[in-house]
PDB file of all heavy atoms in Angstrom:
ATOM      1  N   MET A   1      70.019 -21.958  23.171  1.00  0.00           N
ATOM      2  CA  MET A   1      68.807 -21.496  22.826  1.00  0.00           C
ATOM      3  C   MET A   1      68.026 -20.993  24.313  1.00  0.00           C
ATOM      4  O   MET A   1      67.906 -21.906  25.180  1.00  0.00           O
ATOM      5  CB  MET A   1      67.977 -22.551  22.160  1.00  0.00           C
ATOM      6  CG  MET A   1      66.520 -22.052  21.731  1.00  0.00           C
ATOM      7  SD  MET A   1      65.652 -23.328  20.772  1.00  0.00           S
ATOM      8  CE  MET A   1      65.409 -24.634  22.105  1.00  0.00           C
ATOM      9  N   SER A   2      67.489 -19.841  24.287  1.00  0.00           N
ATOM     10  CA  SER A   2      66.718 -19.478  25.414  1.00  0.00           C
ATOM     11  C   SER A   2      65.367 -20.012  25.525  1.00  0.00           C
ATOM     12  O   SER A   2      64.816 -20.416  24.547  1.00  0.00           O
ATOM     13  CB  SER A   2      66.667 -17.881  25.471  1.00  0.00           C
ATOM     14  OG  SER A   2      65.986 -17.408  24.381  1.00  0.00           O
ATOM     15  N   VAL A   3      64.911 -20.117  26.802  1.00  0.00           N
ATOM     16  CA  VAL A   3      63.629 -20.665  27.047  1.00  0.00           C
ATOM     17  C   VAL A   3      62.617 -19.528  27.037  1.00  0.00           C
ATOM     18  O   VAL A   3      62.712 -18.544  27.698  1.00  0.00           O
ATOM     19  CB  VAL A   3      63.580 -21.431  28.188  1.00  0.00           C
ATOM     20  CG1 VAL A   3      62.149 -21.887  28.574  1.00  0.00           C
ATOM     21  CG2 VAL A   3      64.469 -22.655  28.262  1.00  0.00           C
ATOM     22  N   SER A   4      61.464 -19.685  26.227  1.00  0.00           N
ATOM     23  CA  SER A   4      60.390 -18.584  26.369  1.00  0.00           C
ATOM     24  C   SER A   4      59.262 -19.245  27.092  1.00  0.00           C
ATOM     25  O   SER A   4      58.602 -20.249  26.791  1.00  0.00           O
ATOM     26  CB  SER A   4      60.026 -18.228  24.928  1.00  0.00           C
ATOM     27  OG  SER A   4      58.768 -17.484  24.935  1.00  0.00           O
ATOM     28  N   PHE A   5      58.941 -18.608  28.245  1.00  0.00           N
ATOM     29  CA  PHE A   5      57.696 -18.893  28.943  1.00  0.00           C
ATOM     30  C   PHE A   5      56.373 -18.420  28.465  1.00  0.00           C
ATOM     31  O   PHE A   5      55.344 -18.869  28.883  1.00  0.00           O
ATOM     32  CB  PHE A   5      57.874 -18.502  30.431  1.00  0.00           C
ATOM     33  CG  PHE A   5      59.066 -19.318  31.091  1.00  0.00           C
ATOM     34  CD1 PHE A   5      60.300 -18.636  31.284  1.00  0.00           C
ATOM     35  CD2 PHE A   5      58.929 -20.571  31.427  1.00  0.00           C
ATOM     36  CE1 PHE A   5      61.381 -19.238  32.027  1.00  0.00           C
ATOM     37  CE2 PHE A   5      60.062 -21.242  32.181  1.00  0.00           C
ATOM     38  CZ  PHE A   5      61.168 -20.571  32.297  1.00  0.00           C
ATOM     39  N   GLY A   6      56.376 -17.452  27.658  1.00  0.00           N
ATOM     40  CA  GLY A   6      55.211 -16.799  27.053  1.00  0.00           C
ATOM     41  C   GLY A   6      54.427 -16.054  28.079  1.00  0.00           C
ATOM     42  O   GLY A   6      53.230 -15.880  27.965  1.00  0.00           O
ATOM     43  N   LEU A   7      55.052 -15.524  29.127  1.00  0.00           N
ATOM     44  CA  LEU A   7      54.420 -14.822  30.114  1.00  0.00           C
ATOM     45  C   LEU A   7      54.489 -13.294  30.273  1.00  0.00           C
ATOM     46  O   LEU A   7      54.012 -12.559  31.090  1.00  0.00           O
ATOM     47  CB  LEU A   7      54.894 -15.347  31.537  1.00  0.00           C
ATOM     48  CG  LEU A   7      54.402 -16.794  31.866  1.00  0.00           C
ATOM     49  CD1 LEU A   7      54.983 -17.338  33.001  1.00  0.00           C
ATOM     50  CD2 LEU A   7      52.919 -16.849  32.124  1.00  0.00           C
ATOM     51  N   VAL A   8      55.425 -12.806  29.200  1.00  0.00           N
ATOM     52  CA  VAL A   8      55.607 -11.398  29.284  1.00  0.00           C
ATOM     53  C   VAL A   8      54.354 -10.537  28.999  1.00  0.00           C
ATOM     54  O   VAL A   8      53.579 -10.908  27.986  1.00  0.00           O
ATOM     55  CB  VAL A   8      56.581 -10.994  28.125  1.00  0.00           C
ATOM     56  CG1 VAL A   8      56.669  -9.399  28.005  1.00  0.00           C
ATOM     57  CG2 VAL A   8      57.926 -11.599  28.574  1.00  0.00           C
ATOM     58  N   GLY A   9      53.930  -9.741  29.907  1.00  0.00           N
ATOM     59  CA  GLY A   9      52.688  -9.005  29.772  1.00  0.00           C
ATOM     60  C   GLY A   9      51.421  -9.715  30.099  1.00  0.00           C
ATOM     61  O   GLY A   9      50.260  -9.146  30.199  1.00  0.00           O
ATOM     62  N   LYS A  10      51.577 -10.936  30.601  1.00  0.00           N
ATOM     63  CA  LYS A  10      50.349 -11.723  31.099  1.00  0.00           C
ATOM     64  C   LYS A  10      50.102 -11.156  32.530  1.00  0.00           C
ATOM     65  O   LYS A  10      50.904 -10.527  33.228  1.00  0.00           O
ATOM     66  CB  LYS A  10      50.698 -13.077  31.092  1.00  0.00           C
ATOM     67  CG  LYS A  10      50.949 -13.866  29.750  1.00  0.00           C
ATOM     68  CD  LYS A  10      49.563 -13.785  28.851  1.00  0.00           C
ATOM     69  CE  LYS A  10      49.912 -14.433  27.489  1.00  0.00           C
ATOM     70  NZ  LYS A  10      50.019 -15.860  27.615  1.00  0.00           N
ATOM     71  N   VAL A  11      48.838 -11.527  32.994  1.00  0.00           N
ATOM     72  CA  VAL A  11      48.323 -10.945  34.312  1.00  0.00           C
ATOM     73  C   VAL A  11      48.213 -12.285  35.244  1.00  0.00           C
ATOM     74  O   VAL A  11      47.561 -13.247  34.790  1.00  0.00           O
ATOM     75  CB  VAL A  11      47.174 -10.245  34.259  1.00  0.00           C
ATOM     76  CG1 VAL A  11      46.545  -9.938  35.618  1.00  0.00           C
ATOM     77  CG2 VAL A  11      47.235  -8.953  33.389  1.00  0.00           C
ATOM     78  N   ALA A  12      48.808 -12.248  36.397  1.00  0.00           N
ATOM     79  CA  ALA A  12      48.755 -13.434  37.407  1.00  0.00           C
ATOM     80  C   ALA A  12      48.263 -13.023  38.648  1.00  0.00           C
ATOM     81  O   ALA A  12      48.723 -11.963  39.153  1.00  0.00           O
ATOM     82  CB  ALA A  12      50.162 -14.101  37.405  1.00  0.00           C
ATOM     83  N   VAL A  13      47.361 -13.734  39.217  1.00  0.00           N
ATOM     84  CA  VAL A  13      47.011 -13.701  40.561  1.00  0.00           C
ATOM     85  C   VAL A  13      47.679 -14.835  41.456  1.00  0.00           C
ATOM     86  O   VAL A  13      47.496 -15.857  41.078  1.00  0.00           O
ATOM     87  CB  VAL A  13      45.436 -13.726  40.867  1.00  0.00           C
ATOM     88  CG1 VAL A  13      45.077 -13.868  42.262  1.00  0.00           C
ATOM     89  CG2 VAL A  13      44.785 -12.469  40.243  1.00  0.00           C
ATOM     90  N   VAL A  14      48.268 -14.433  42.493  1.00  0.00           N
ATOM     91  CA  VAL A  14      48.981 -15.415  43.405  1.00  0.00           C
ATOM     92  C   VAL A  14      48.402 -15.244  44.836  1.00  0.00           C
ATOM     93  O   VAL A  14      48.588 -14.162  45.419  1.00  0.00           O
ATOM     94  CB  VAL A  14      50.491 -15.379  43.394  1.00  0.00           C
ATOM     95  CG1 VAL A  14      51.134 -16.452  44.270  1.00  0.00           C
ATOM     96  CG2 VAL A  14      51.061 -15.503  42.003  1.00  0.00           C
ATOM     97  N   THR A  15      47.686 -16.103  45.305  1.00  0.00           N
ATOM     98  CA  THR A  15      47.035 -15.955  46.525  1.00  0.00           C
ATOM     99  C   THR A  15      48.090 -16.353  47.791  1.00  0.00           C
ATOM    100  O   THR A  15      48.921 -17.092  47.466  1.00  0.00           O
ATOM    101  CB  THR A  15      45.766 -16.916  46.830  1.00  0.00           C
ATOM    102  OG1 THR A  15      46.098 -18.133  46.875  1.00  0.00           O
ATOM    103  CG2 THR A  15      44.882 -16.675  45.646  1.00  0.00           C
ATOM    104  N   GLY A  16      47.911 -15.694  48.853  1.00  0.00           N
ATOM    105  CA  GLY A  16      48.878 -16.040  50.037  1.00  0.00           C
ATOM    106  C   GLY A  16      50.275 -15.808  49.581  1.00  0.00           C
ATOM    107  O   GLY A  16      51.106 -16.569  49.784  1.00  0.00           O
ATOM    108  N   SER A  17      50.534 -14.640  48.845  1.00  0.00           N
ATOM    109  CA  SER A  17      51.813 -14.399  48.218  1.00  0.00           C
ATOM    110  C   SER A  17      52.721 -13.385  48.941  1.00  0.00           C
ATOM    111  O   SER A  17      53.645 -12.899  48.332  1.00  0.00           O
ATOM    112  CB  SER A  17      51.610 -13.965  46.755  1.00  0.00           C
ATOM    113  OG  SER A  17      50.717 -12.938  46.646  1.00  0.00           O
ATOM    114  N   THR A  18      52.521 -13.092  50.181  1.00  0.00           N
ATOM    115  CA  THR A  18      53.396 -12.169  50.846  1.00  0.00           C
ATOM    116  C   THR A  18      54.625 -12.912  51.420  1.00  0.00           C
ATOM    117  O   THR A  18      55.649 -12.291  51.878  1.00  0.00           O
ATOM    118  CB  THR A  18      52.591 -11.456  52.107  1.00  0.00           C
ATOM    119  OG1 THR A  18      52.156 -12.488  52.945  1.00  0.00           O
ATOM    120  CG2 THR A  18      51.609 -10.554  51.417  1.00  0.00           C
ATOM    121  N   ARG A  19      54.554 -14.304  51.579  1.00  0.00           N
ATOM    122  CA  ARG A  19      55.735 -14.952  52.165  1.00  0.00           C
ATOM    123  C   ARG A  19      55.608 -16.499  51.686  1.00  0.00           C
ATOM    124  O   ARG A  19      54.644 -16.935  51.040  1.00  0.00           O
ATOM    125  CB  ARG A  19      55.598 -15.037  53.702  1.00  0.00           C
ATOM    126  CG  ARG A  19      54.306 -15.499  54.357  1.00  0.00           C
ATOM    127  CD  ARG A  19      54.228 -15.473  55.691  1.00  0.00           C
ATOM    128  NE  ARG A  19      54.733 -14.255  56.314  1.00  0.00           N
ATOM    129  CZ  ARG A  19      53.755 -13.313  56.647  1.00  0.00           C
ATOM    130  NH1 ARG A  19      52.568 -13.525  56.308  1.00  0.00           N
ATOM    131  NH2 ARG A  19      54.174 -12.125  57.168  1.00  0.00           N
ATOM    132  N   GLY A  20      56.636 -17.203  52.004  1.00  0.00           N
ATOM    133  CA  GLY A  20      56.807 -18.728  51.801  1.00  0.00           C
ATOM    134  C   GLY A  20      56.729 -18.999  50.246  1.00  0.00           C
ATOM    135  O   GLY A  20      57.194 -18.257  49.380  1.00  0.00           O
ATOM    136  N   ILE A  21      56.021 -20.081  50.008  1.00  0.00           N
ATOM    137  CA  ILE A  21      55.815 -20.513  48.672  1.00  0.00           C
ATOM    138  C   ILE A  21      55.126 -19.502  47.633  1.00  0.00           C
ATOM    139  O   ILE A  21      55.573 -19.343  46.560  1.00  0.00           O
ATOM    140  CB  ILE A  21      55.070 -21.830  48.517  1.00  0.00           C
ATOM    141  CG1 ILE A  21      55.892 -23.075  49.222  1.00  0.00           C
ATOM    142  CG2 ILE A  21      54.658 -22.379  47.169  1.00  0.00           C
ATOM    143  CD1 ILE A  21      55.138 -24.293  49.484  1.00  0.00           C
ATOM    144  N   GLY A  22      54.134 -18.828  48.249  1.00  0.00           N
ATOM    145  CA  GLY A  22      53.369 -17.847  47.403  1.00  0.00           C
ATOM    146  C   GLY A  22      54.294 -16.762  46.898  1.00  0.00           C
ATOM    147  O   GLY A  22      54.146 -16.319  45.883  1.00  0.00           O
ATOM    148  N   TRP A  23      55.155 -16.258  47.891  1.00  0.00           N
ATOM    149  CA  TRP A  23      55.942 -15.164  47.539  1.00  0.00           C
ATOM    150  C   TRP A  23      57.141 -15.602  46.434  1.00  0.00           C
ATOM    151  O   TRP A  23      57.289 -14.862  45.542  1.00  0.00           O
ATOM    152  CB  TRP A  23      56.682 -14.650  48.823  1.00  0.00           C
ATOM    153  CG  TRP A  23      57.853 -13.705  48.415  1.00  0.00           C
ATOM    154  CD1 TRP A  23      59.166 -14.036  48.763  1.00  0.00           C
ATOM    155  CD2 TRP A  23      57.802 -12.481  47.748  1.00  0.00           C
ATOM    156  NE1 TRP A  23      60.009 -12.961  48.277  1.00  0.00           N
ATOM    157  CE2 TRP A  23      59.182 -11.973  47.690  1.00  0.00           C
ATOM    158  CE3 TRP A  23      56.884 -11.735  47.243  1.00  0.00           C
ATOM    159  CZ2 TRP A  23      59.476 -10.724  47.051  1.00  0.00           C
ATOM    160  CZ3 TRP A  23      57.058 -10.536  46.572  1.00  0.00           C
ATOM    161  CH2 TRP A  23      58.377 -10.108  46.522  1.00  0.00           C
ATOM    162  N   SER A  24      57.484 -16.842  46.610  1.00  0.00           N
ATOM    163  CA  SER A  24      58.596 -17.339  45.635  1.00  0.00           C
ATOM    164  C   SER A  24      57.936 -17.481  44.168  1.00  0.00           C
ATOM    165  O   SER A  24      58.513 -17.150  43.262  1.00  0.00           O
ATOM    166  CB  SER A  24      59.027 -18.711  46.036  1.00  0.00           C
ATOM    167  OG  SER A  24      60.128 -19.126  45.229  1.00  0.00           O
ATOM    168  N   VAL A  25      56.570 -17.848  44.272  1.00  0.00           N
ATOM    169  CA  VAL A  25      55.885 -18.164  43.055  1.00  0.00           C
ATOM    170  C   VAL A  25      55.698 -16.727  42.379  1.00  0.00           C
ATOM    171  O   VAL A  25      55.877 -16.483  41.123  1.00  0.00           O
ATOM    172  CB  VAL A  25      54.408 -18.797  43.222  1.00  0.00           C
ATOM    173  CG1 VAL A  25      53.605 -18.615  41.941  1.00  0.00           C
ATOM    174  CG2 VAL A  25      54.698 -20.220  43.656  1.00  0.00           C
ATOM    175  N   ALA A  26      55.386 -15.764  43.172  1.00  0.00           N
ATOM    176  CA  ALA A  26      55.119 -14.391  42.494  1.00  0.00           C
ATOM    177  C   ALA A  26      56.394 -13.958  41.954  1.00  0.00           C
ATOM    178  O   ALA A  26      56.337 -13.294  40.860  1.00  0.00           O
ATOM    179  CB  ALA A  26      54.632 -13.403  43.729  1.00  0.00           C
ATOM    180  N   GLU A  27      57.556 -14.179  42.605  1.00  0.00           N
ATOM    181  CA  GLU A  27      58.895 -13.797  42.075  1.00  0.00           C
ATOM    182  C   GLU A  27      59.108 -14.416  40.794  1.00  0.00           C
ATOM    183  O   GLU A  27      59.628 -13.678  39.825  1.00  0.00           O
ATOM    184  CB  GLU A  27      59.934 -13.911  43.240  1.00  0.00           C
ATOM    185  CG  GLU A  27      60.220 -12.934  44.037  1.00  0.00           C
ATOM    186  CD  GLU A  27      61.611 -12.842  44.443  1.00  0.00           C
ATOM    187  OE1 GLU A  27      62.175 -13.655  45.185  1.00  0.00           O
ATOM    188  OE2 GLU A  27      62.333 -11.746  44.103  1.00  0.00           O
ATOM    189  N   GLN A  28      58.856 -15.657  40.690  1.00  0.00           N
ATOM    190  CA  GLN A  28      59.131 -16.421  39.399  1.00  0.00           C
ATOM    191  C   GLN A  28      58.321 -15.855  38.281  1.00  0.00           C
ATOM    192  O   GLN A  28      58.954 -15.760  37.208  1.00  0.00           O
ATOM    193  CB  GLN A  28      58.835 -18.001  39.754  1.00  0.00           C
ATOM    194  CG  GLN A  28      59.900 -18.641  40.581  1.00  0.00           C
ATOM    195  CD  GLN A  28      61.301 -18.905  39.921  1.00  0.00           C
ATOM    196  OE1 GLN A  28      61.244 -18.957  38.658  1.00  0.00           O
ATOM    197  NE2 GLN A  28      62.198 -19.182  40.750  1.00  0.00           N
ATOM    198  N   LEU A  29      57.075 -15.621  38.564  1.00  0.00           N
ATOM    199  CA  LEU A  29      56.281 -15.131  37.430  1.00  0.00           C
ATOM    200  C   LEU A  29      56.685 -13.845  37.119  1.00  0.00           C
ATOM    201  O   LEU A  29      56.659 -13.430  35.841  1.00  0.00           O
ATOM    202  CB  LEU A  29      54.809 -15.092  37.983  1.00  0.00           C
ATOM    203  CG  LEU A  29      54.178 -16.580  38.252  1.00  0.00           C
ATOM    204  CD1 LEU A  29      52.795 -16.468  38.899  1.00  0.00           C
ATOM    205  CD2 LEU A  29      54.195 -17.337  36.921  1.00  0.00           C
ATOM    206  N   ALA A  30      56.907 -12.890  38.077  1.00  0.00           N
ATOM    207  CA  ALA A  30      57.446 -11.564  37.719  1.00  0.00           C
ATOM    208  C   ALA A  30      58.671 -11.498  36.931  1.00  0.00           C
ATOM    209  O   ALA A  30      58.831 -10.805  35.984  1.00  0.00           O
ATOM    210  CB  ALA A  30      57.552 -10.640  38.948  1.00  0.00           C
ATOM    211  N   ALA A  31      59.581 -12.437  37.242  1.00  0.00           N
ATOM    212  CA  ALA A  31      60.902 -12.555  36.599  1.00  0.00           C
ATOM    213  C   ALA A  31      60.659 -12.955  35.156  1.00  0.00           C
ATOM    214  O   ALA A  31      61.541 -12.570  34.215  1.00  0.00           O
ATOM    215  CB  ALA A  31      61.843 -13.542  37.387  1.00  0.00           C
ATOM    216  N   ALA A  32      59.663 -13.718  34.915  1.00  0.00           N
ATOM    217  CA  ALA A  32      59.276 -14.125  33.614  1.00  0.00           C
ATOM    218  C   ALA A  32      58.420 -13.069  32.710  1.00  0.00           C
ATOM    219  O   ALA A  32      58.144 -13.358  31.640  1.00  0.00           O
ATOM    220  CB  ALA A  32      58.555 -15.485  33.637  1.00  0.00           C
ATOM    221  N   GLY A  33      58.264 -11.985  33.348  1.00  0.00           N
ATOM    222  CA  GLY A  33      57.581 -10.924  32.723  1.00  0.00           C
ATOM    223  C   GLY A  33      56.143 -10.577  33.019  1.00  0.00           C
ATOM    224  O   GLY A  33      55.463  -9.803  32.347  1.00  0.00           O
ATOM    225  N   ALA A  34      55.618 -11.352  33.931  1.00  0.00           N
ATOM    226  CA  ALA A  34      54.098 -11.316  34.176  1.00  0.00           C
ATOM    227  C   ALA A  34      53.771 -10.207  35.046  1.00  0.00           C
ATOM    228  O   ALA A  34      54.625  -9.863  35.948  1.00  0.00           O
ATOM    229  CB  ALA A  34      53.570 -12.588  34.783  1.00  0.00           C
ATOM    230  N   HIS A  35      52.760  -9.518  34.950  1.00  0.00           N
ATOM    231  CA  HIS A  35      52.186  -8.623  35.833  1.00  0.00           C
ATOM    232  C   HIS A  35      51.548  -9.364  37.089  1.00  0.00           C
ATOM    233  O   HIS A  35      50.832 -10.422  36.727  1.00  0.00           O
ATOM    234  CB  HIS A  35      51.162  -7.543  35.311  1.00  0.00           C
ATOM    235  CG  HIS A  35      51.629  -6.902  34.056  1.00  0.00           C
ATOM    236  ND1 HIS A  35      52.817  -6.231  33.995  1.00  0.00           N
ATOM    237  CD2 HIS A  35      51.042  -6.720  32.796  1.00  0.00           C
ATOM    238  CE1 HIS A  35      52.997  -5.698  32.842  1.00  0.00           C
ATOM    239  NE2 HIS A  35      51.985  -6.106  32.174  1.00  0.00           N
ATOM    240  N   VAL A  36      51.779  -8.988  38.284  1.00  0.00           N
ATOM    241  CA  VAL A  36      51.444  -9.891  39.401  1.00  0.00           C
ATOM    242  C   VAL A  36      50.565  -9.194  40.377  1.00  0.00           C
ATOM    243  O   VAL A  36      50.819  -8.042  40.863  1.00  0.00           O
ATOM    244  CB  VAL A  36      52.631 -10.455  40.034  1.00  0.00           C
ATOM    245  CG1 VAL A  36      52.150 -11.453  41.343  1.00  0.00           C
ATOM    246  CG2 VAL A  36      53.496 -11.296  39.092  1.00  0.00           C
ATOM    247  N   VAL A  37      49.510  -9.905  40.859  1.00  0.00           N
ATOM    248  CA  VAL A  37      48.617  -9.418  41.964  1.00  0.00           C
ATOM    249  C   VAL A  37      49.112 -10.087  43.194  1.00  0.00           C
ATOM    250  O   VAL A  37      49.077 -11.183  43.260  1.00  0.00           O
ATOM    251  CB  VAL A  37      47.130  -9.702  41.755  1.00  0.00           C
ATOM    252  CG1 VAL A  37      46.395  -9.350  42.934  1.00  0.00           C
ATOM    253  CG2 VAL A  37      46.611  -9.070  40.395  1.00  0.00           C
ATOM    254  N   ILE A  38      49.621  -9.272  44.126  1.00  0.00           N
ATOM    255  CA  ILE A  38      49.999  -9.896  45.434  1.00  0.00           C
ATOM    256  C   ILE A  38      48.850  -9.848  46.279  1.00  0.00           C
ATOM    257  O   ILE A  38      48.156  -8.853  46.539  1.00  0.00           O
ATOM    258  CB  ILE A  38      51.166  -9.069  45.949  1.00  0.00           C
ATOM    259  CG1 ILE A  38      52.450  -9.112  45.138  1.00  0.00           C
ATOM    260  CG2 ILE A  38      51.431  -9.468  47.403  1.00  0.00           C
ATOM    261  CD1 ILE A  38      53.216 -10.459  45.140  1.00  0.00           C
ATOM    262  N   ASN A  39      48.608 -10.988  47.053  1.00  0.00           N
ATOM    263  CA  ASN A  39      47.484 -11.143  47.912  1.00  0.00           C
ATOM    264  C   ASN A  39      47.762 -11.656  49.196  1.00  0.00           C
ATOM    265  O   ASN A  39      48.558 -12.503  49.352  1.00  0.00           O
ATOM    266  CB  ASN A  39      46.411 -12.041  47.244  1.00  0.00           C
ATOM    267  CG  ASN A  39      45.355 -12.556  48.187  1.00  0.00           C
ATOM    268  OD1 ASN A  39      45.353 -13.700  48.469  1.00  0.00           O
ATOM    269  ND2 ASN A  39      44.556 -11.784  48.648  1.00  0.00           N
ATOM    270  N   GLY A  40      47.284 -11.034  50.248  1.00  0.00           N
ATOM    271  CA  GLY A  40      47.343 -11.528  51.651  1.00  0.00           C
ATOM    272  C   GLY A  40      45.991 -11.418  52.294  1.00  0.00           C
ATOM    273  O   GLY A  40      45.025 -10.794  51.790  1.00  0.00           O
TER     274      GLY A  40
END
């Protein structure tokens, strides 16, 4: 059974997301289908 995160089409802001933990978070959210605001 696949896992549904319910994030497809959702909008996410990730601060400090050009590198490190913030970048990894942005990738995970985008991989789950969320639109992402990259912030530096």
